[in-house]
Amino acid sequence: INPVMGDGKYVPSLPGFGGLSIWAA
């Protein structure tokens, strides 16, 4: 399972946290 994109944001489809940067999440 690899939901973090190259820019540091989760893929939009991740339940609950999609589109957030990992630090903001």
PDB file of all heavy atoms in Angstrom:
ATOM      1  N   ILE A   1       0.859  -1.194   0.000  1.00  0.00           N
ATOM      2  CA  ILE A   1       0.000   0.000   0.000  1.00  0.00           C
ATOM      3  C   ILE A   1       0.890   1.237   0.000  1.00  0.00           C
ATOM      4  O   ILE A   1       1.661   1.464   0.936  1.00  0.00           O
ATOM      5  CB  ILE A   1      -0.934  -0.009   1.228  1.00  0.00           C
ATOM      6  CG1 ILE A   1      -1.850  -1.237   1.172  1.00  0.00           C
ATOM      7  CG2 ILE A   1      -1.743   1.279   1.307  1.00  0.00           C
ATOM      8  CD1 ILE A   1      -2.680  -1.439   2.428  1.00  0.00           C
ATOM      9  N   ASN A   2       0.750   2.070  -1.022  1.00  0.00           N
ATOM     10  CA  ASN A   2       1.679   3.178  -1.244  1.00  0.00           C
ATOM     11  C   ASN A   2       0.908   4.437  -1.639  1.00  0.00           C
ATOM     12  O   ASN A   2       0.939   4.869  -2.792  1.00  0.00           O
ATOM     13  CB  ASN A   2       2.656   2.778  -2.364  1.00  0.00           C
ATOM     14  CG  ASN A   2       3.738   3.795  -2.588  1.00  0.00           C
ATOM     15  OD1 ASN A   2       4.087   4.560  -1.711  1.00  0.00           O
ATOM     16  ND2 ASN A   2       4.275   3.807  -3.798  1.00  0.00           N
ATOM     17  N   PRO A   3       0.212   5.083  -0.684  1.00  0.00           N
ATOM     18  CA  PRO A   3      -0.706   6.169  -1.048  1.00  0.00           C
ATOM     19  C   PRO A   3      -0.081   7.554  -1.139  1.00  0.00           C
ATOM     20  O   PRO A   3      -0.772   8.505  -1.499  1.00  0.00           O
ATOM     21  CB  PRO A   3      -1.724   6.136   0.089  1.00  0.00           C
ATOM     22  CG  PRO A   3      -0.931   5.688   1.274  1.00  0.00           C
ATOM     23  CD  PRO A   3       0.070   4.708   0.736  1.00  0.00           C
ATOM     24  N   VAL A   4       1.204   7.719  -0.807  1.00  0.00           N
ATOM     25  CA  VAL A   4       1.810   9.048  -0.840  1.00  0.00           C
ATOM     26  C   VAL A   4       2.371   9.319  -2.231  1.00  0.00           C
ATOM     27  O   VAL A   4       3.160   8.548  -2.758  1.00  0.00           O
ATOM     28  CB  VAL A   4       2.926   9.178   0.218  1.00  0.00           C
ATOM     29  CG1 VAL A   4       3.530  10.592   0.164  1.00  0.00           C
ATOM     30  CG2 VAL A   4       2.384   8.895   1.612  1.00  0.00           C
ATOM     31  N   MET A   5       1.967  10.436  -2.823  1.00  0.00           N
ATOM     32  CA  MET A   5       2.455  10.818  -4.147  1.00  0.00           C
ATOM     33  C   MET A   5       3.805  11.536  -4.019  1.00  0.00           C
ATOM     34  O   MET A   5       4.254  11.872  -2.930  1.00  0.00           O
ATOM     35  CB  MET A   5       1.430  11.708  -4.844  1.00  0.00           C
ATOM     36  CG  MET A   5       0.088  11.014  -5.077  1.00  0.00           C
ATOM     37  SD  MET A   5      -1.094  12.006  -6.036  1.00  0.00           S
ATOM     38  CE  MET A   5      -1.458  13.331  -4.858  1.00  0.00           C
ATOM     39  N   GLY A   6       4.430  11.775  -5.177  1.00  0.00           N
ATOM     40  CA  GLY A   6       5.763  12.366  -5.192  1.00  0.00           C
ATOM     41  C   GLY A   6       5.844  13.754  -4.591  1.00  0.00           C
ATOM     42  O   GLY A   6       6.915  14.196  -4.182  1.00  0.00           O
ATOM     43  N   ASP A   7       4.708  14.465  -4.524  1.00  0.00           N
ATOM     44  CA  ASP A   7       4.724  15.822  -3.957  1.00  0.00           C
ATOM     45  C   ASP A   7       4.426  15.832  -2.462  1.00  0.00           C
ATOM     46  O   ASP A   7       4.283  16.899  -1.858  1.00  0.00           O
ATOM     47  CB  ASP A   7       3.714  16.719  -4.689  1.00  0.00           C
ATOM     48  CG  ASP A   7       2.278  16.199  -4.596  1.00  0.00           C
ATOM     49  OD1 ASP A   7       2.060  15.131  -3.973  1.00  0.00           O
ATOM     50  OD2 ASP A   7       1.374  16.849  -5.147  1.00  0.00           O
ATOM     51  N   GLY A   8       4.285  14.653  -1.854  1.00  0.00           N
ATOM     52  CA  GLY A   8       4.056  14.583  -0.414  1.00  0.00           C
ATOM     53  C   GLY A   8       2.602  14.569  -0.010  1.00  0.00           C
ATOM     54  O   GLY A   8       2.297  14.617   1.191  1.00  0.00           O
ATOM     55  N   LYS A   9       1.711  14.490  -0.969  1.00  0.00           N
ATOM     56  CA  LYS A   9       0.277  14.432  -0.660  1.00  0.00           C
ATOM     57  C   LYS A   9      -0.243  13.015  -0.848  1.00  0.00           C
ATOM     58  O   LYS A   9       0.263  12.258  -1.675  1.00  0.00           O
ATOM     59  CB  LYS A   9      -0.500  15.390  -1.562  1.00  0.00           C
ATOM     60  CG  LYS A   9      -0.177  16.856  -1.322  1.00  0.00           C
ATOM     61  CD  LYS A   9      -0.988  17.743  -2.262  1.00  0.00           C
ATOM     62  CE  LYS A   9      -0.663  19.221  -2.028  1.00  0.00           C
ATOM     63  NZ  LYS A   9      -1.430  20.103  -2.953  1.00  0.00           N
ATOM     64  N   TYR A  10      -1.271  12.684  -0.061  1.00  0.00           N
ATOM     65  CA  TYR A  10      -1.931  11.397  -0.249  1.00  0.00           C
ATOM     66  C   TYR A  10      -2.742  11.405  -1.545  1.00  0.00           C
ATOM     67  O   TYR A  10      -3.277  12.447  -1.961  1.00  0.00           O
ATOM     68  CB  TYR A  10      -2.888  11.106   0.902  1.00  0.00           C
ATOM     69  CG  TYR A  10      -2.223  10.791   2.224  1.00  0.00           C
ATOM     70  CD1 TYR A  10      -2.475  11.568   3.349  1.00  0.00           C
ATOM     71  CD2 TYR A  10      -1.379   9.691   2.366  1.00  0.00           C
ATOM     72  CE1 TYR A  10      -1.901  11.278   4.568  1.00  0.00           C
ATOM     73  CE2 TYR A  10      -0.800   9.392   3.592  1.00  0.00           C
ATOM     74  CZ  TYR A  10      -1.053  10.188   4.685  1.00  0.00           C
ATOM     75  OH  TYR A  10      -0.487   9.904   5.893  1.00  0.00           O
ATOM     76  N   VAL A  11      -2.870  10.222  -2.143  1.00  0.00           N
ATOM     77  CA  VAL A  11      -3.748  10.107  -3.308  1.00  0.00           C
ATOM     78  C   VAL A  11      -5.175  10.477  -2.891  1.00  0.00           C
ATOM     79  O   VAL A  11      -5.575  10.250  -1.745  1.00  0.00           O
ATOM     80  CB  VAL A  11      -3.720   8.680  -3.881  1.00  0.00           C
ATOM     81  CG1 VAL A  11      -2.365   8.350  -4.469  1.00  0.00           C
ATOM     82  CG2 VAL A  11      -4.113   7.651  -2.828  1.00  0.00           C
ATOM     83  N   PRO A  12      -5.954  11.082  -3.774  1.00  0.00           N
ATOM     84  CA  PRO A  12      -7.312  11.527  -3.402  1.00  0.00           C
ATOM     85  C   PRO A  12      -8.194  10.401  -2.885  1.00  0.00           C
ATOM     86  O   PRO A  12      -9.130  10.650  -2.110  1.00  0.00           O
ATOM     87  CB  PRO A  12      -7.861  12.105  -4.715  1.00  0.00           C
ATOM     88  CG  PRO A  12      -6.645  12.515  -5.487  1.00  0.00           C
ATOM     89  CD  PRO A  12      -5.595  11.502  -5.144  1.00  0.00           C
ATOM     90  N   SER A  13      -7.916   9.165  -3.283  1.00  0.00           N
ATOM     91  CA  SER A  13      -8.791   8.049  -2.908  1.00  0.00           C
ATOM     92  C   SER A  13      -8.537   7.508  -1.514  1.00  0.00           C
ATOM     93  O   SER A  13      -9.282   6.641  -1.042  1.00  0.00           O
ATOM     94  CB  SER A  13      -8.626   6.908  -3.924  1.00  0.00           C
ATOM     95  OG  SER A  13      -7.272   6.471  -3.958  1.00  0.00           O
ATOM     96  N   LEU A  14      -7.511   7.994  -0.799  1.00  0.00           N
ATOM     97  CA  LEU A  14      -7.221   7.461   0.532  1.00  0.00           C
ATOM     98  C   LEU A  14      -8.346   7.838   1.494  1.00  0.00           C
ATOM     99  O   LEU A  14      -8.631   9.021   1.686  1.00  0.00           O
ATOM    100  CB  LEU A  14      -5.893   7.989   1.053  1.00  0.00           C
ATOM    101  CG  LEU A  14      -5.479   7.440   2.420  1.00  0.00           C
ATOM    102  CD1 LEU A  14      -5.108   5.960   2.309  1.00  0.00           C
ATOM    103  CD2 LEU A  14      -4.320   8.239   3.011  1.00  0.00           C
ATOM    104  N   PRO A  15      -8.981   6.860   2.139  1.00  0.00           N
ATOM    105  CA  PRO A  15     -10.104   7.156   3.035  1.00  0.00           C
ATOM    106  C   PRO A  15      -9.713   8.115   4.159  1.00  0.00           C
ATOM    107  O   PRO A  15      -8.745   7.893   4.872  1.00  0.00           O
ATOM    108  CB  PRO A  15     -10.485   5.785   3.598  1.00  0.00           C
ATOM    109  CG  PRO A  15     -10.005   4.812   2.584  1.00  0.00           C
ATOM    110  CD  PRO A  15      -8.753   5.401   2.020  1.00  0.00           C
ATOM    111  N   GLY A  16     -10.479   9.196   4.271  1.00  0.00           N
ATOM    112  CA  GLY A  16     -10.316  10.121   5.383  1.00  0.00           C
ATOM    113  C   GLY A  16      -9.265  11.184   5.233  1.00  0.00           C
ATOM    114  O   GLY A  16      -9.372  12.252   5.848  1.00  0.00           O
ATOM    115  N   PHE A  17      -8.226  10.930   4.400  1.00  0.00           N
ATOM    116  CA  PHE A  17      -7.102  11.866   4.361  1.00  0.00           C
ATOM    117  C   PHE A  17      -6.634  12.165   2.939  1.00  0.00           C
ATOM    118  O   PHE A  17      -5.586  12.785   2.748  1.00  0.00           O
ATOM    119  CB  PHE A  17      -5.926  11.299   5.171  1.00  0.00           C
ATOM    120  CG  PHE A  17      -6.334  10.715   6.494  1.00  0.00           C
ATOM    121  CD1 PHE A  17      -6.372   9.338   6.681  1.00  0.00           C
ATOM    122  CD2 PHE A  17      -6.733  11.536   7.533  1.00  0.00           C
ATOM    123  CE1 PHE A  17      -6.762   8.783   7.889  1.00  0.00           C
ATOM    124  CE2 PHE A  17      -7.132  10.993   8.750  1.00  0.00           C
ATOM    125  CZ  PHE A  17      -7.153   9.615   8.933  1.00  0.00           C
ATOM    126  N   GLY A  18      -7.396  11.748   1.943  1.00  0.00           N
ATOM    127  CA  GLY A  18      -7.001  11.948   0.556  1.00  0.00           C
ATOM    128  C   GLY A  18      -6.778  13.411   0.218  1.00  0.00           C
ATOM    129  O   GLY A  18      -7.552  14.286   0.617  1.00  0.00           O
ATOM    130  N   GLY A  19      -5.689  13.695  -0.500  1.00  0.00           N
ATOM    131  CA  GLY A  19      -5.368  15.051  -0.932  1.00  0.00           C
ATOM    132  C   GLY A  19      -4.577  15.869   0.061  1.00  0.00           C
ATOM    133  O   GLY A  19      -4.058  16.931  -0.287  1.00  0.00           O
ATOM    134  N   LEU A  20      -4.457  15.398   1.305  1.00  0.00           N
ATOM    135  CA  LEU A  20      -3.701  16.135   2.321  1.00  0.00           C
ATOM    136  C   LEU A  20      -2.215  15.835   2.191  1.00  0.00           C
ATOM    137  O   LEU A  20      -1.811  14.738   1.803  1.00  0.00           O
ATOM    138  CB  LEU A  20      -4.161  15.741   3.731  1.00  0.00           C
ATOM    139  CG  LEU A  20      -5.575  16.115   4.154  1.00  0.00           C
ATOM    140  CD1 LEU A  20      -5.866  15.527   5.533  1.00  0.00           C
ATOM    141  CD2 LEU A  20      -5.740  17.630   4.181  1.00  0.00           C
ATOM    142  N   SER A  21      -1.377  16.819   2.542  1.00  0.00           N
ATOM    143  CA  SER A  21       0.043  16.519   2.671  1.00  0.00           C
ATOM    144  C   SER A  21       0.232  15.671   3.921  1.00  0.00           C
ATOM    145  O   SER A  21      -0.568  15.749   4.865  1.00  0.00           O
ATOM    146  CB  SER A  21       0.865  17.810   2.795  1.00  0.00           C
ATOM    147  OG  SER A  21       0.766  18.340   4.108  1.00  0.00           O
ATOM    148  N   ILE A  22       1.265  14.864   3.928  1.00  0.00           N
ATOM    149  CA  ILE A  22       1.438  13.955   5.060  1.00  0.00           C
ATOM    150  C   ILE A  22       1.647  14.722   6.363  1.00  0.00           C
ATOM    151  O   ILE A  22       1.210  14.273   7.427  1.00  0.00           O
ATOM    152  CB  ILE A  22       2.587  12.962   4.823  1.00  0.00           C
ATOM    153  CG1 ILE A  22       3.925  13.693   4.631  1.00  0.00           C
ATOM    154  CG2 ILE A  22       2.283  12.061   3.635  1.00  0.00           C
ATOM    155  CD1 ILE A  22       5.133  12.762   4.621  1.00  0.00           C
ATOM    156  N   TRP A  23       2.296  15.886   6.292  1.00  0.00           N
ATOM    157  CA  TRP A  23       2.552  16.648   7.521  1.00  0.00           C
ATOM    158  C   TRP A  23       1.251  17.269   8.027  1.00  0.00           C
ATOM    159  O   TRP A  23       1.018  17.312   9.245  1.00  0.00           O
ATOM    160  CB  TRP A  23       3.613  17.725   7.277  1.00  0.00           C
ATOM    161  CG  TRP A  23       4.845  17.207   6.591  1.00  0.00           C
ATOM    162  CD1 TRP A  23       5.376  17.640   5.415  1.00  0.00           C
ATOM    163  CD2 TRP A  23       5.703  16.135   7.022  1.00  0.00           C
ATOM    164  NE1 TRP A  23       6.498  16.928   5.074  1.00  0.00           N
ATOM    165  CE2 TRP A  23       6.733  15.996   6.048  1.00  0.00           C
ATOM    166  CE3 TRP A  23       5.707  15.280   8.121  1.00  0.00           C
ATOM    167  CZ2 TRP A  23       7.742  15.046   6.153  1.00  0.00           C
ATOM    168  CZ3 TRP A  23       6.721  14.326   8.224  1.00  0.00           C
ATOM    169  CH2 TRP A  23       7.703  14.215   7.261  1.00  0.00           C
ATOM    170  N   ALA A  24       0.404  17.745   7.112  1.00  0.00           N
ATOM    171  CA  ALA A  24      -0.890  18.287   7.529  1.00  0.00           C
ATOM    172  C   ALA A  24      -1.810  17.178   8.036  1.00  0.00           C
ATOM    173  O   ALA A  24      -2.687  17.410   8.882  1.00  0.00           O
ATOM    174  CB  ALA A  24      -1.543  19.013   6.354  1.00  0.00           C
ATOM    175  N   ALA A  25      -1.608  15.956   7.534  1.00  0.00           N
ATOM    176  CA  ALA A  25      -2.461  14.837   7.934  1.00  0.00           C
ATOM    177  C   ALA A  25      -2.098  14.285   9.301  1.00  0.00           C
ATOM    178  O   ALA A  25      -2.945  13.651   9.958  1.00  0.00           O
ATOM    179  CB  ALA A  25      -2.367  13.722   6.892  1.00  0.00           C
TER     180      ALA A  25
END
